[in-house]
Amino acid sequence: MLHRTIDRFLEGQRWLEPLSDTLQGWAGAIFRSRAGQALKTLLNGTWLGHPLHPVITDLPLGAWTLAVLLDVVFLFDRSSTWHAAATVAIAAGVVAAVGAAVTGYTDWSDTVDRERRVGVTHGLLNLAATILYLVSLLIRLYGGSAGAAITISWIGYLLLLAAAFLGGELVFNIGTGVNHHTWEAPITEWTPAIRVGELAEGVLQKADVRGTPVLLHRKGTVICAIGNTCGHAGGPLNEGTVEGTRVICPWHASRFDLCSGAVKGGPATVNQVRYETRVQDGQVEVRRSPETYQPN
């Protein structure tokens, strides 16, 4: 199959590993501070409720697709109006591509292994396409050969399509950016999760409730419960740390409110399932809250 051929090819490109290490090192330096963390959360799209990158990628793809169509019309009509319109579309795509690159780089900085390898190739192809479109734009603006400008932009479009294919590979075959707890069956009826005596004060405790991992945390008489699987990449929240009223995912440092499940910091963009709790016959019982932020 095509994706296996691509995988084997990329596995042989050893130079991608040191490049990825360097690029992720830069991201770590940029986002290390408190201000950097806030910027990362913004670029991840936490405020939007799902990754920001795919929203922005539609803009350059749409603009450059329109430019291809306008150039085709120009080749038949030879009216400068069509050529000028294609130039405007290409310029809009180049501007939008900057936003797509920044958000994509931010999301990619948390990837590993095959996901990282495919992701960096996706980014490099998009970068090459953007450079070609920028060259085409400059030729158009400074009165160069229309044929050369069109040829260069069409080569860029082919690279863009290849990058889009790898983007689909990342999402649909690897699961990058997909809510990792969306297929876990939420507990809809009161169900025993753990004995009260086993739930220590202030400790993150995982309970397997009919096959669904639930995170429990007790503070005084208040017992909170949310989904244990981090929606971002599937990290086990019970192995994380507590910071005030929040749990920090051990894998990529996403932050969630322990009682509501609301995401408070990226790279996660979706909230955890919230569970109501009660104590019955020495057992802590849970069921999905009707007000949960993520009803599945």
Protein backbone atom coordinates (compact mmCIF):
# COMPACT_ATOMS: atom_id res chain seq x y z
CA MET A 1 0.00 0.00 0.00
CA LEU A 2 1.08 3.58 -0.64
CA HIS A 3 1.38 4.58 3.01
CA ARG A 4 3.69 1.61 3.73
CA THR A 5 5.90 2.59 0.79
CA ILE A 6 6.07 6.12 2.18
CA ASP A 7 6.83 4.81 5.66
CA ARG A 8 9.71 2.68 4.41
CA PHE A 9 11.11 5.60 2.44
CA LEU A 10 10.93 7.99 5.40
CA GLU A 11 12.45 5.42 7.75
CA GLY A 12 15.49 5.40 5.47
CA GLN A 13 15.90 9.18 5.67
CA ARG A 14 18.16 9.22 8.73
CA TRP A 15 18.81 12.95 8.37
CA LEU A 16 15.24 13.62 9.48
CA GLU A 17 16.05 12.55 13.05
CA PRO A 18 18.79 15.11 13.87
CA LEU A 19 16.78 17.79 12.07
CA SER A 20 13.71 16.93 14.16
CA ASP A 21 15.78 16.95 17.35
CA THR A 22 17.03 20.44 16.54
CA LEU A 23 13.62 21.81 15.60
CA GLN A 24 11.97 20.37 18.72
CA GLY A 25 14.81 21.76 20.80
CA TRP A 26 14.07 25.22 19.46
CA ALA A 27 10.39 24.78 20.26
CA GLY A 28 11.26 23.72 23.81
CA ALA A 29 13.34 26.87 24.26
CA ILE A 30 10.61 29.12 22.83
CA PHE A 31 7.79 27.67 24.93
CA ARG A 32 9.70 27.04 28.18
CA SER A 33 8.75 30.25 30.01
CA ARG A 34 5.32 31.06 31.43
CA ALA A 35 4.72 33.48 28.56
CA GLY A 36 5.89 30.80 26.14
CA GLN A 37 3.45 28.30 27.60
CA ALA A 38 0.61 30.80 27.16
CA LEU A 39 1.68 31.37 23.54
CA LYS A 40 1.81 27.62 22.93
CA THR A 41 -1.67 27.14 24.36
CA LEU A 42 -2.91 29.90 22.04
CA LEU A 43 -1.27 28.36 18.96
CA ASN A 44 -2.44 24.84 19.87
CA GLY A 45 -6.03 26.09 19.69
CA THR A 46 -7.02 25.19 23.25
CA TRP A 47 -9.29 28.26 23.30
CA LEU A 48 -10.99 27.06 20.10
CA GLY A 49 -11.83 23.56 21.32
CA HIS A 50 -9.79 21.72 18.67
CA PRO A 51 -6.41 22.28 16.96
CA LEU A 52 -6.03 25.66 15.27
CA HIS A 53 -3.67 24.42 12.56
CA PRO A 54 -6.24 22.64 10.32
CA VAL A 55 -8.46 25.71 10.42
CA ILE A 56 -5.69 27.90 9.01
CA THR A 57 -4.42 25.38 6.46
CA ASP A 58 -7.66 25.71 4.49
CA LEU A 59 -6.72 29.32 3.70
CA PRO A 60 -3.50 28.83 1.69
CA LEU A 61 -4.83 25.63 0.12
CA GLY A 62 -7.99 27.41 -1.00
CA ALA A 63 -6.13 30.51 -2.19
CA TRP A 64 -3.57 28.55 -4.17
CA THR A 65 -6.22 26.28 -5.69
CA LEU A 66 -8.03 29.40 -6.85
CA ALA A 67 -4.75 30.69 -8.30
CA VAL A 68 -4.35 27.50 -10.34
CA LEU A 69 -7.84 27.96 -11.80
CA LEU A 70 -7.22 31.64 -12.56
CA ASP A 71 -3.93 30.82 -14.27
CA VAL A 72 -5.65 28.21 -16.43
CA VAL A 73 -8.22 30.80 -17.51
CA PHE A 74 -5.39 33.28 -18.21
CA LEU A 75 -3.61 30.79 -20.49
CA PHE A 76 -6.72 30.62 -22.66
CA ASP A 77 -7.91 34.23 -22.39
CA ARG A 78 -4.59 36.10 -21.98
CA SER A 79 -6.35 38.91 -20.10
CA SER A 80 -4.16 40.67 -17.55
CA THR A 81 -7.16 40.67 -15.20
CA TRP A 82 -6.91 36.92 -14.68
CA HIS A 83 -3.15 37.14 -14.16
CA ALA A 84 -3.58 39.91 -11.60
CA ALA A 85 -6.30 37.98 -9.77
CA ALA A 86 -4.05 34.90 -9.58
CA THR A 87 -1.28 37.10 -8.17
CA VAL A 88 -3.59 38.38 -5.43
CA ALA A 89 -4.65 34.81 -4.58
CA ILE A 90 -1.05 33.66 -4.37
CA ALA A 91 -0.13 36.60 -2.13
CA ALA A 92 -3.04 35.81 0.20
CA GLY A 93 -1.93 32.18 0.31
CA VAL A 94 1.65 33.09 1.22
CA VAL A 95 0.45 35.26 4.11
CA ALA A 96 -1.90 32.54 5.37
CA ALA A 97 0.84 29.92 5.01
CA VAL A 98 2.85 31.70 7.70
CA GLY A 99 0.05 31.15 10.21
CA ALA A 100 -0.33 27.53 9.10
CA ALA A 101 3.40 26.95 9.52
CA VAL A 102 3.57 28.46 13.00
CA THR A 103 0.58 26.52 14.33
CA GLY A 104 1.69 23.31 12.63
CA TYR A 105 5.20 23.63 14.07
CA THR A 106 3.70 24.13 17.52
CA ASP A 107 1.55 21.00 17.27
CA TRP A 108 4.39 18.95 15.78
CA SER A 109 6.78 19.88 18.59
CA ASP A 110 5.00 17.35 20.87
CA THR A 111 5.23 14.39 18.47
CA VAL A 112 7.46 11.31 18.59
CA ASP A 113 8.62 8.40 16.40
CA ARG A 114 6.64 7.79 13.19
CA GLU A 115 4.32 10.68 13.92
CA ARG A 116 7.29 13.02 14.22
CA ARG A 117 8.94 11.67 11.05
CA VAL A 118 5.83 12.03 8.91
CA GLY A 119 5.07 15.41 10.48
CA VAL A 120 8.45 16.96 9.74
CA THR A 121 8.25 15.74 6.14
CA HIS A 122 4.76 17.25 5.87
CA GLY A 123 6.17 20.53 7.14
CA LEU A 124 9.21 20.52 4.83
CA LEU A 125 7.05 19.91 1.77
CA ASN A 126 4.76 22.77 2.77
CA LEU A 127 7.78 25.00 3.34
CA ALA A 128 9.15 24.16 -0.10
CA ALA A 129 5.76 24.85 -1.67
CA THR A 130 5.52 28.21 0.11
CA ILE A 131 8.99 29.21 -1.10
CA LEU A 132 8.06 28.35 -4.67
CA TYR A 133 4.87 30.38 -4.38
CA LEU A 134 6.86 33.30 -2.98
CA VAL A 135 9.25 33.11 -5.96
CA SER A 136 6.28 32.98 -8.34
CA LEU A 137 4.74 35.97 -6.58
CA LEU A 138 7.91 38.04 -6.93
CA ILE A 139 8.16 37.21 -10.65
CA ARG A 140 4.56 38.28 -11.13
CA LEU A 141 4.96 41.50 -9.15
CA TYR A 142 8.12 42.58 -10.95
CA GLY A 143 6.87 41.87 -14.47
CA GLY A 144 8.76 38.68 -15.14
CA SER A 145 7.77 35.84 -17.43
CA ALA A 146 4.18 34.80 -16.85
CA GLY A 147 4.98 31.31 -18.08
CA ALA A 148 7.82 30.90 -15.57
CA ALA A 149 5.67 32.25 -12.74
CA ILE A 150 2.84 29.85 -13.56
CA THR A 151 5.16 26.85 -13.93
CA ILE A 152 6.83 27.52 -10.59
CA SER A 153 3.50 27.97 -8.81
CA TRP A 154 2.16 24.73 -10.27
CA ILE A 155 5.21 22.82 -9.07
CA GLY A 156 4.52 24.33 -5.66
CA TYR A 157 0.93 23.12 -5.91
CA LEU A 158 2.07 19.55 -6.56
CA LEU A 159 4.25 19.72 -3.44
CA LEU A 160 1.27 21.13 -1.56
CA LEU A 161 -0.85 18.14 -2.57
CA ALA A 162 1.87 15.75 -1.43
CA ALA A 163 2.06 17.57 1.90
CA ALA A 164 -1.73 17.40 2.21
CA PHE A 165 -1.58 13.63 1.69
CA LEU A 166 0.88 13.34 4.58
CA GLY A 167 -1.37 15.60 6.65
CA GLY A 168 -4.17 13.12 6.10
CA GLU A 169 -1.81 10.30 7.08
CA LEU A 170 -1.07 12.09 10.34
CA VAL A 171 -4.71 12.55 11.27
CA PHE A 172 -6.53 9.54 9.86
CA ASN A 173 -3.92 6.78 10.09
CA ILE A 174 -1.74 7.91 12.99
CA GLY A 175 -4.32 9.86 15.01
CA THR A 176 -2.47 13.14 15.52
CA GLY A 177 -4.78 15.78 16.95
CA VAL A 178 -7.62 13.30 17.48
CA ASN A 179 -9.40 13.20 20.85
CA HIS A 180 -7.87 10.08 22.41
CA HIS A 181 -10.68 9.38 24.84
CA THR A 182 -13.57 9.89 22.47
CA TRP A 183 -14.22 6.15 21.99
CA GLU A 184 -14.04 5.23 25.67
CA ALA A 185 -17.49 4.28 26.88
CA PRO A 186 -18.50 6.81 29.55
CA ILE A 187 -20.10 5.47 32.72
CA THR A 188 -23.71 6.62 32.51
CA GLU A 189 -25.12 4.82 35.59
CA TRP A 190 -23.87 4.87 39.18
CA THR A 191 -21.07 2.31 39.20
CA PRO A 192 -18.57 1.35 41.95
CA ALA A 193 -15.09 2.63 41.17
CA ILE A 194 -12.98 2.13 44.31
CA ARG A 195 -13.34 1.56 48.05
CA VAL A 196 -13.21 4.76 50.07
CA GLY A 197 -10.36 3.41 52.19
CA GLU A 198 -8.20 2.95 49.09
CA LEU A 199 -8.52 6.59 48.05
CA ALA A 200 -5.75 8.50 49.82
CA GLU A 201 -5.90 12.24 50.45
CA GLY A 202 -4.45 14.32 47.61
CA VAL A 203 -3.30 11.33 45.56
CA LEU A 204 -4.12 10.84 41.88
CA GLN A 205 -5.85 7.47 41.74
CA LYS A 206 -6.85 5.56 38.62
CA ALA A 207 -9.86 3.27 38.73
CA ASP A 208 -10.89 0.89 35.97
CA VAL A 209 -14.65 1.23 35.82
CA ARG A 210 -16.10 -1.36 33.45
CA GLY A 211 -13.10 -0.94 31.17
CA THR A 212 -13.08 2.87 31.29
CA PRO A 213 -10.14 4.51 33.12
CA VAL A 214 -11.32 7.17 35.56
CA LEU A 215 -9.11 9.54 37.55
CA LEU A 216 -10.16 10.15 41.17
CA HIS A 217 -8.81 12.77 43.55
CA ARG A 218 -9.89 13.39 47.14
CA LYS A 219 -9.40 16.58 49.08
CA GLY A 220 -11.08 16.48 52.45
CA THR A 221 -14.62 15.29 51.93
CA VAL A 222 -14.67 16.31 48.27
CA ILE A 223 -14.04 13.55 45.74
CA CYS A 224 -13.59 14.56 42.12
CA ALA A 225 -13.51 12.28 39.09
CA ILE A 226 -12.65 12.91 35.43
CA GLY A 227 -11.52 10.76 32.50
CA ASN A 228 -8.00 9.45 33.04
CA THR A 229 -6.93 9.35 29.37
CA CYS A 230 -5.59 12.70 28.19
CA GLY A 231 -7.47 13.73 25.07
CA HIS A 232 -4.33 15.12 23.42
CA ALA A 233 -2.18 12.00 23.03
CA GLY A 234 -3.60 9.46 25.46
CA GLY A 235 -1.32 10.17 28.40
CA PRO A 236 -2.31 8.59 31.76
CA LEU A 237 -3.27 11.49 34.00
CA ASN A 238 -2.89 9.42 37.18
CA GLU A 239 0.87 9.46 36.51
CA GLY A 240 0.88 13.25 36.34
CA THR A 241 1.22 15.87 39.07
CA VAL A 242 -1.21 18.11 40.92
CA GLU A 243 -0.85 21.87 40.78
CA GLY A 244 -3.48 23.49 42.95
CA THR A 245 -6.82 22.40 41.51
CA ARG A 246 -5.30 21.09 38.28
CA VAL A 247 -3.70 17.89 37.08
CA ILE A 248 -0.73 18.13 34.70
CA CYS A 249 -0.43 15.39 32.09
CA PRO A 250 2.93 13.56 32.39
CA TRP A 251 3.44 13.37 28.62
CA HIS A 252 3.04 16.90 27.25
CA ALA A 253 2.03 18.98 30.29
CA SER A 254 -1.59 19.64 29.33
CA ARG A 255 -3.51 20.96 32.32
CA PHE A 256 -7.03 20.04 33.36
CA ASP A 257 -9.28 21.08 36.22
CA LEU A 258 -9.51 18.10 38.55
CA CYS A 259 -13.20 18.51 39.26
CA SER A 260 -14.68 19.86 36.02
CA GLY A 261 -12.29 18.28 33.52
CA ALA A 262 -11.98 21.62 31.72
CA VAL A 263 -8.73 22.00 29.80
CA LYS A 264 -6.67 24.82 31.31
CA GLY A 265 -3.53 24.60 29.21
CA GLY A 266 -2.40 23.08 25.92
CA PRO A 267 -1.45 21.22 23.90
CA ALA A 268 -4.78 19.51 24.72
CA THR A 269 -7.79 21.17 23.12
CA VAL A 270 -10.69 19.05 24.40
CA ASN A 271 -11.97 18.72 27.95
CA GLN A 272 -11.93 15.54 29.97
CA VAL A 273 -15.16 13.71 30.75
CA ARG A 274 -16.48 14.84 34.11
CA TYR A 275 -17.99 12.31 36.54
CA GLU A 276 -20.28 12.82 39.49
CA THR A 277 -19.28 10.92 42.63
CA ARG A 278 -21.02 9.57 45.69
CA VAL A 279 -20.19 7.17 48.52
CA GLN A 280 -22.41 4.12 48.95
CA ASP A 281 -21.68 1.23 51.34
CA GLY A 282 -18.01 2.17 51.58
CA GLN A 283 -17.61 2.39 47.80
CA VAL A 284 -16.97 5.49 45.71
CA GLU A 285 -19.43 5.35 42.84
CA VAL A 286 -19.23 7.41 39.66
CA ARG A 287 -21.41 8.30 36.71
CA ARG A 288 -21.02 10.76 33.89
CA SER A 289 -22.24 14.19 34.79
CA PRO A 290 -25.05 15.52 32.58
CA GLU A 291 -23.08 18.79 32.59
CA THR A 292 -19.82 17.20 31.45
CA TYR A 293 -17.82 19.31 29.04
CA GLN A 294 -17.12 16.29 26.86
CA PRO A 295 -20.26 14.12 26.62
CA ASN A 296 -18.79 11.68 24.04
